Amino acid sequence: MQGFDLDNVGFIIVGLFVVVWAAALAYRRPAKVEERWAPRPAEGS
């Protein structure tokens, strides 16, 4: 554990967060996530 630097671990965690966040934003619009998960109007109204 001598070469284990917590500064590098912090950078890796932040980097992974940014990558996952960017991927989610890029996926959101083409997949029309809002339309898929929006509540549908009740039938017969």
PDB file of N, CA and C in Angstrom:
ATOM      1  N   MET A   1       0.824  -1.197   0.000  1.00  0.00           N
ATOM      2  CA  MET A   1       0.000   0.000   0.000  1.00  0.00           C
ATOM      3  C   MET A   1       0.864   1.256   0.000  1.00  0.00           C
ATOM      4  N   GLN A   2       2.154   1.135  -0.210  1.00  0.00           N
ATOM      5  CA  GLN A   2       3.009   2.312  -0.210  1.00  0.00           C
ATOM      6  C   GLN A   2       2.715   3.227  -1.396  1.00  0.00           C
ATOM      7  N   GLY A   3       2.420   2.664  -2.546  1.00  0.00           N
ATOM      8  CA  GLY A   3       2.181   3.476  -3.731  1.00  0.00           C
ATOM      9  C   GLY A   3       0.735   3.918  -3.868  1.00  0.00           C
ATOM     10  N   PHE A   4      -0.075   3.696  -2.849  1.00  0.00           N
ATOM     11  CA  PHE A   4      -1.501   4.028  -2.885  1.00  0.00           C
ATOM     12  C   PHE A   4      -1.683   5.474  -2.479  1.00  0.00           C
ATOM     13  N   ASP A   5      -2.009   6.331  -3.455  1.00  0.00           N
ATOM     14  CA  ASP A   5      -2.133   7.768  -3.203  1.00  0.00           C
ATOM     15  C   ASP A   5      -3.613   8.166  -3.248  1.00  0.00           C
ATOM     16  N   LEU A   6      -4.109   8.712  -2.148  1.00  0.00           N
ATOM     17  CA  LEU A   6      -5.524   9.080  -2.080  1.00  0.00           C
ATOM     18  C   LEU A   6      -5.878  10.228  -3.014  1.00  0.00           C
ATOM     19  N   ASP A   7      -4.910  11.054  -3.372  1.00  0.00           N
ATOM     20  CA  ASP A   7      -5.177  12.126  -4.331  1.00  0.00           C
ATOM     21  C   ASP A   7      -5.589  11.532  -5.677  1.00  0.00           C
ATOM     22  N   ASN A   8      -4.884  10.504  -6.096  1.00  0.00           N
ATOM     23  CA  ASN A   8      -5.212   9.859  -7.374  1.00  0.00           C
ATOM     24  C   ASN A   8      -6.578   9.176  -7.311  1.00  0.00           C
ATOM     25  N   VAL A   9      -6.909   8.590  -6.180  1.00  0.00           N
ATOM     26  CA  VAL A   9      -8.211   7.949  -6.028  1.00  0.00           C
ATOM     27  C   VAL A   9      -9.315   8.992  -6.165  1.00  0.00           C
ATOM     28  N   GLY A  10      -9.133  10.148  -5.588  1.00  0.00           N
ATOM     29  CA  GLY A  10     -10.111  11.226  -5.704  1.00  0.00           C
ATOM     30  C   GLY A  10     -10.301  11.666  -7.143  1.00  0.00           C
ATOM     31  N   PHE A  11      -9.211  11.799  -7.882  1.00  0.00           N
ATOM     32  CA  PHE A  11      -9.308  12.180  -9.288  1.00  0.00           C
ATOM     33  C   PHE A  11     -10.036  11.110 -10.098  1.00  0.00           C
ATOM     34  N   ILE A  12      -9.788   9.848  -9.795  1.00  0.00           N
ATOM     35  CA  ILE A  12     -10.452   8.751 -10.504  1.00  0.00           C
ATOM     36  C   ILE A  12     -11.950   8.772 -10.227  1.00  0.00           C
ATOM     37  N   ILE A  13     -12.335   8.971  -8.979  1.00  0.00           N
ATOM     38  CA  ILE A  13     -13.756   9.007  -8.626  1.00  0.00           C
ATOM     39  C   ILE A  13     -14.449  10.171  -9.319  1.00  0.00           C
ATOM     40  N   VAL A  14     -13.857  11.338  -9.289  1.00  0.00           N
ATOM     41  CA  VAL A  14     -14.454  12.511  -9.946  1.00  0.00           C
ATOM     42  C   VAL A  14     -14.505  12.297 -11.454  1.00  0.00           C
ATOM     43  N   GLY A  15     -13.459  11.725 -12.024  1.00  0.00           N
ATOM     44  CA  GLY A  15     -13.441  11.456 -13.458  1.00  0.00           C
ATOM     45  C   GLY A  15     -14.531  10.483 -13.871  1.00  0.00           C
ATOM     46  N   LEU A  16     -14.727   9.426 -13.092  1.00  0.00           N
ATOM     47  CA  LEU A  16     -15.787   8.468 -13.387  1.00  0.00           C
ATOM     48  C   LEU A  16     -17.164   9.118 -13.288  1.00  0.00           C
ATOM     49  N   PHE A  17     -17.347   9.972 -12.293  1.00  0.00           N
ATOM     50  CA  PHE A  17     -18.611  10.689 -12.151  1.00  0.00           C
ATOM     51  C   PHE A  17     -18.889  11.533 -13.384  1.00  0.00           C
ATOM     52  N   VAL A  18     -17.901  12.266 -13.847  1.00  0.00           N
ATOM     53  CA  VAL A  18     -18.078  13.140 -15.013  1.00  0.00           C
ATOM     54  C   VAL A  18     -18.374  12.313 -16.263  1.00  0.00           C
ATOM     55  N   VAL A  19     -17.693  11.193 -16.434  1.00  0.00           N
ATOM     56  CA  VAL A  19     -17.915  10.346 -17.606  1.00  0.00           C
ATOM     57  C   VAL A  19     -19.332   9.766 -17.595  1.00  0.00           C
ATOM     58  N   VAL A  20     -19.777   9.269 -16.452  1.00  0.00           N
ATOM     59  CA  VAL A  20     -21.116   8.689 -16.360  1.00  0.00           C
ATOM     60  C   VAL A  20     -22.186   9.763 -16.563  1.00  0.00           C
ATOM     61  N   TRP A  21     -21.972  10.932 -15.991  1.00  0.00           N
ATOM     62  CA  TRP A  21     -22.911  12.041 -16.142  1.00  0.00           C
ATOM     63  C   TRP A  21     -23.018  12.461 -17.606  1.00  0.00           C
ATOM     64  N   ALA A  22     -21.885  12.586 -18.289  1.00  0.00           N
ATOM     65  CA  ALA A  22     -21.887  12.975 -19.695  1.00  0.00           C
ATOM     66  C   ALA A  22     -22.566  11.911 -20.554  1.00  0.00           C
ATOM     67  N   ALA A  23     -22.333  10.649 -20.249  1.00  0.00           N
ATOM     68  CA  ALA A  23     -22.980   9.570 -20.997  1.00  0.00           C
ATOM     69  C   ALA A  23     -24.492   9.603 -20.795  1.00  0.00           C
ATOM     70  N   ALA A  24     -24.941   9.878 -19.584  1.00  0.00           N
ATOM     71  CA  ALA A  24     -26.372   9.947 -19.315  1.00  0.00           C
ATOM     72  C   ALA A  24     -27.006  11.109 -20.076  1.00  0.00           C
ATOM     73  N   LEU A  25     -26.340  12.238 -20.121  1.00  0.00           N
ATOM     74  CA  LEU A  25     -26.868  13.376 -20.879  1.00  0.00           C
ATOM     75  C   LEU A  25     -26.905  13.078 -22.372  1.00  0.00           C
ATOM     76  N   ALA A  26     -25.891  12.413 -22.872  1.00  0.00           N
ATOM     77  CA  ALA A  26     -25.844  12.089 -24.296  1.00  0.00           C
ATOM     78  C   ALA A  26     -26.920  11.066 -24.659  1.00  0.00           C
ATOM     79  N   TYR A  27     -27.264  10.174 -23.763  1.00  0.00           N
ATOM     80  CA  TYR A  27     -28.252   9.121 -24.011  1.00  0.00           C
ATOM     81  C   TYR A  27     -29.682   9.632 -23.891  1.00  0.00           C
ATOM     82  N   ARG A  28     -29.870  10.642 -23.064  1.00  0.00           N
ATOM     83  CA  ARG A  28     -31.201  11.096 -22.685  1.00  0.00           C
ATOM     84  C   ARG A  28     -32.049  11.540 -23.877  1.00  0.00           C
ATOM     85  N   ARG A  29     -31.529  12.390 -24.714  1.00  0.00           N
ATOM     86  CA  ARG A  29     -32.331  12.941 -25.810  1.00  0.00           C
ATOM     87  C   ARG A  29     -32.610  11.924 -26.910  1.00  0.00           C
ATOM     88  N   PRO A  30     -31.610  11.216 -27.432  1.00  0.00           N
ATOM     89  CA  PRO A  30     -31.923  10.256 -28.502  1.00  0.00           C
ATOM     90  C   PRO A  30     -32.862   9.138 -28.043  1.00  0.00           C
ATOM     91  N   ALA A  31     -32.797   8.755 -26.786  1.00  0.00           N
ATOM     92  CA  ALA A  31     -33.630   7.662 -26.284  1.00  0.00           C
ATOM     93  C   ALA A  31     -35.009   8.142 -25.852  1.00  0.00           C
ATOM     94  N   LYS A  32     -35.223   9.456 -25.830  1.00  0.00           N
ATOM     95  CA  LYS A  32     -36.508  10.054 -25.427  1.00  0.00           C
ATOM     96  C   LYS A  32     -36.968   9.519 -24.070  1.00  0.00           C
ATOM     97  N   VAL A  33     -36.075   9.619 -23.098  1.00  0.00           N
ATOM     98  CA  VAL A  33     -36.336   9.086 -21.767  1.00  0.00           C
ATOM     99  C   VAL A  33     -37.531   9.779 -21.116  1.00  0.00           C
ATOM    100  N   GLU A  34     -37.653  11.101 -21.289  1.00  0.00           N
ATOM    101  CA  GLU A  34     -38.754  11.825 -20.668  1.00  0.00           C
ATOM    102  C   GLU A  34     -40.104  11.341 -21.195  1.00  0.00           C
ATOM    103  N   GLU A  35     -40.179  11.098 -22.508  1.00  0.00           N
ATOM    104  CA  GLU A  35     -41.438  10.626 -23.086  1.00  0.00           C
ATOM    105  C   GLU A  35     -41.775   9.219 -22.604  1.00  0.00           C
ATOM    106  N   ARG A  36     -40.756   8.394 -22.470  1.00  0.00           N
ATOM    107  CA  ARG A  36     -40.988   7.014 -22.067  1.00  0.00           C
ATOM    108  C   ARG A  36     -41.482   6.921 -20.625  1.00  0.00           C
ATOM    109  N   TRP A  37     -40.980   7.799 -19.751  1.00  0.00           N
ATOM    110  CA  TRP A  37     -41.319   7.717 -18.329  1.00  0.00           C
ATOM    111  C   TRP A  37     -42.403   8.714 -17.904  1.00  0.00           C
ATOM    112  N   ALA A  38     -42.931   9.493 -18.842  1.00  0.00           N
ATOM    113  CA  ALA A  38     -43.972  10.470 -18.509  1.00  0.00           C
ATOM    114  C   ALA A  38     -45.270   9.719 -18.181  1.00  0.00           C
ATOM    115  N   PRO A  39     -46.044  10.228 -17.224  1.00  0.00           N
ATOM    116  CA  PRO A  39     -47.326   9.564 -16.928  1.00  0.00           C
ATOM    117  C   PRO A  39     -48.276   9.714 -18.117  1.00  0.00           C
ATOM    118  N   ARG A  40     -48.967   8.642 -18.411  1.00  0.00           N
ATOM    119  CA  ARG A  40     -49.915   8.653 -19.516  1.00  0.00           C
ATOM    120  C   ARG A  40     -51.279   9.081 -19.004  1.00  0.00           C
ATOM    121  N   PRO A  41     -52.043   9.787 -19.838  1.00  0.00           N
ATOM    122  CA  PRO A  41     -53.389  10.182 -19.399  1.00  0.00           C
ATOM    123  C   PRO A  41     -54.269   8.946 -19.212  1.00  0.00           C
ATOM    124  N   ALA A  42     -55.180   9.046 -18.275  1.00  0.00           N
ATOM    125  CA  ALA A  42     -56.090   7.931 -17.997  1.00  0.00           C
ATOM    126  C   ALA A  42     -57.002   7.694 -19.186  1.00  0.00           C
ATOM    127  N   GLU A  43     -57.288   6.433 -19.452  1.00  0.00           N
ATOM    128  CA  GLU A  43     -58.155   6.089 -20.568  1.00  0.00           C
ATOM    129  C   GLU A  43     -59.592   6.483 -20.260  1.00  0.00           C
ATOM    130  N   GLY A  44     -60.300   6.941 -21.273  1.00  0.00           N
ATOM    131  CA  GLY A  44     -61.694   7.288 -21.113  1.00  0.00           C
ATOM    132  C   GLY A  44     -61.948   8.684 -20.571  1.00  0.00           C
ATOM    133  N   SER A  45     -60.896   9.490 -20.490  1.00  0.00           N
ATOM    134  CA  SER A  45     -61.136  10.849 -19.976  1.00  0.00           C
ATOM    135  C   SER A  45     -60.927  11.877 -21.063  1.00  0.00           C
TER     136      SER A  45
END
